[in-house]
């Protein structure tokens, strides 16, 4: 029996095992990366807010979307290799300059693709 409830779903866990299931095959490392930037208006408004301090709602939303993109890519990579779960998932993130003052936010999700079955 598969750990997934849908044919295309992949169980993604930050822990290294899956209680109630056993790993029947280790496939190996998988990753997914999301990259986003804010538009010029968002950057200007964010810069203005930074001058006065406070919550950066636009940046928080962008980071959350980038993280979701990375998770989606991670699941797709795992599925393409025949996995139904990813164990030990972690995030890594950074920011880089794309030129002309345009900052890009990058999030990578990575873990170990496995096939699990219910005990």
Protein backbone atom coordinates (compact mmCIF):
# COMPACT_ATOMS: atom_id res chain seq x y z
CA UNK A 1 0.00 0.00 0.00
CA UNK A 2 1.25 3.44 -0.86
CA UNK A 3 1.83 6.25 1.65
CA UNK A 4 0.12 8.65 -0.69
CA UNK A 5 -3.60 9.26 -0.63
CA UNK A 6 -3.65 10.37 -4.27
CA UNK A 7 -1.90 8.78 -7.21
CA UNK A 8 0.36 11.80 -7.71
CA UNK A 9 0.95 12.96 -4.14
CA UNK A 10 4.28 12.73 -2.39
CA UNK A 11 4.55 12.66 1.39
CA UNK A 12 7.14 15.24 2.47
CA UNK A 13 8.50 14.99 6.01
CA UNK A 14 11.20 16.87 7.89
CA UNK A 15 11.85 13.82 10.06
CA UNK A 16 14.08 10.94 8.98
CA UNK A 17 11.51 8.18 9.28
CA UNK A 18 7.79 7.72 8.78
CA UNK A 19 5.94 6.26 11.80
CA UNK A 20 3.59 3.44 10.79
CA UNK A 21 5.43 2.93 7.52
CA UNK A 22 8.62 1.34 6.43
CA UNK A 23 11.08 2.42 3.80
CA UNK A 24 11.25 -0.26 1.13
CA UNK A 25 13.57 1.58 -1.25
CA UNK A 26 15.93 4.53 -0.95
CA UNK A 27 16.15 6.42 -4.22
CA UNK A 28 18.48 9.26 -3.24
CA UNK A 29 18.73 13.03 -3.01
CA UNK A 30 16.06 15.22 -4.59
CA UNK A 31 15.62 18.96 -4.68
CA UNK A 32 13.35 21.71 -5.89
CA UNK A 33 14.15 25.38 -6.31
CA UNK A 34 11.90 28.41 -6.50
CA UNK A 35 13.09 31.87 -7.56
CA UNK A 36 10.99 35.03 -7.43
CA UNK A 37 11.41 38.76 -7.45
CA UNK A 38 9.15 41.66 -6.60
CA UNK A 39 8.12 44.11 -9.27
CA UNK A 40 9.50 47.64 -9.32
CA UNK A 41 6.53 49.06 -7.38
CA UNK A 42 6.87 46.37 -4.71
CA UNK A 43 10.57 47.09 -4.40
CA UNK A 44 9.94 50.82 -4.03
CA UNK A 45 7.23 50.32 -1.42
CA UNK A 46 9.39 47.80 0.43
CA UNK A 47 12.27 50.27 0.43
CA UNK A 48 10.03 52.99 1.85
CA UNK A 49 8.77 50.66 4.58
CA UNK A 50 12.32 49.65 5.40
CA UNK A 51 13.16 53.29 6.12
CA UNK A 52 10.49 53.43 8.82
CA UNK A 53 10.70 49.84 10.06
CA UNK A 54 7.87 47.39 10.51
CA UNK A 55 6.47 44.28 8.95
CA UNK A 56 7.31 43.65 5.29
CA UNK A 57 4.08 41.95 4.18
CA UNK A 58 4.98 42.00 0.47
CA UNK A 59 8.32 40.30 1.06
CA UNK A 60 6.74 37.76 3.42
CA UNK A 61 4.20 36.85 0.74
CA UNK A 62 6.93 36.54 -1.90
CA UNK A 63 9.03 34.27 0.33
CA UNK A 64 6.01 32.06 1.12
CA UNK A 65 5.23 31.73 -2.60
CA UNK A 66 8.87 30.93 -3.37
CA UNK A 67 8.90 28.27 -0.64
CA UNK A 68 5.70 26.72 -2.04
CA UNK A 69 7.26 26.69 -5.53
CA UNK A 70 10.31 24.88 -4.15
CA UNK A 71 8.13 22.26 -2.42
CA UNK A 72 6.15 21.70 -5.62
CA UNK A 73 9.37 21.22 -7.60
CA UNK A 74 10.71 18.86 -4.89
CA UNK A 75 7.59 16.69 -5.09
CA UNK A 76 7.77 16.68 -8.89
CA UNK A 77 11.43 15.61 -8.84
CA UNK A 78 10.69 12.81 -6.34
CA UNK A 79 7.67 11.60 -8.36
CA UNK A 80 9.75 11.56 -11.56
CA UNK A 81 12.13 9.12 -9.89
CA UNK A 82 9.34 6.84 -8.64
CA UNK A 83 9.29 7.98 -5.01
CA UNK A 84 6.16 8.37 -2.93
CA UNK A 85 7.87 10.18 -0.02
CA UNK A 86 10.72 12.53 0.79
CA UNK A 87 12.37 12.21 4.18
CA UNK A 88 14.62 14.67 6.01
CA UNK A 89 13.37 17.65 3.97
CA UNK A 90 15.17 20.94 4.62
CA UNK A 91 15.09 24.44 3.17
CA UNK A 92 17.99 26.63 2.12
CA UNK A 93 17.41 30.18 0.99
CA UNK A 94 19.26 33.18 -0.29
CA UNK A 95 18.99 36.35 -2.24
CA UNK A 96 20.98 37.54 -5.21
CA UNK A 97 21.13 40.63 -7.36
CA UNK A 98 19.70 40.11 -10.84
CA UNK A 99 21.01 43.48 -12.00
CA UNK A 100 19.57 46.97 -12.07
CA UNK A 101 18.73 46.77 -8.37
CA UNK A 102 16.40 43.80 -8.82
CA UNK A 103 16.79 41.39 -5.89
CA UNK A 104 15.82 37.78 -6.49
CA UNK A 105 14.74 35.49 -3.65
CA UNK A 106 15.75 31.83 -4.01
CA UNK A 107 14.56 28.90 -1.89
CA UNK A 108 15.71 25.31 -2.34
CA UNK A 109 13.96 22.38 -0.70
CA UNK A 110 15.91 19.14 -0.54
CA UNK A 111 15.70 15.70 1.04
CA UNK A 112 15.93 11.97 0.38
CA UNK A 113 13.45 10.38 -2.01
CA UNK A 114 12.15 7.02 -0.85
CA UNK A 115 9.40 4.52 -1.43
CA UNK A 116 7.42 3.74 1.71
CA UNK A 117 4.60 1.34 2.46
CA UNK A 118 2.21 1.00 5.38
CA UNK A 119 3.20 -1.62 7.96
